[in-house]
Amino acid sequence: MVAIAQIKDTQPLMTGNAMRDARATLGEMWGLDRPLKMSELGRALRLGGRGQGRKDPGESIRDYERGKTTISGPVSVAIEMMLAGARPPDDIDDLIKQEKPQ
């Protein structure tokens, strides 16, 4: 299971390293034989990109993993639920599709 740091003994906080481990575990669980790409996990969580004009949800995941942005409780819970076997609401094949160049 992914390691979770404890804050105030009651509120677990997912770390960037734990999110990186979760991408690897979910990729295996979903039959990809590789870690999920940052953009794939971002789409599974229905995240938008951060900042003006940024549309890649992988940028949000990158910020989380690098510690630039604190991982929110709802994001942490969603990942933990997926690790426990819950499927994302969107079809996994749609989540792993390649982005088309614009």
Foldseek 3Di string as FASTA:
>chain_A
DQDWDDDPNPDTFHALVSVQVLQQLLCVVVPNNGGHQLQLLLVLVVHAADDPPGGRSSNVSVCRNVVVDGDDPVSVVVSVVVSVPDGRPDDSVVSRDDDDDD
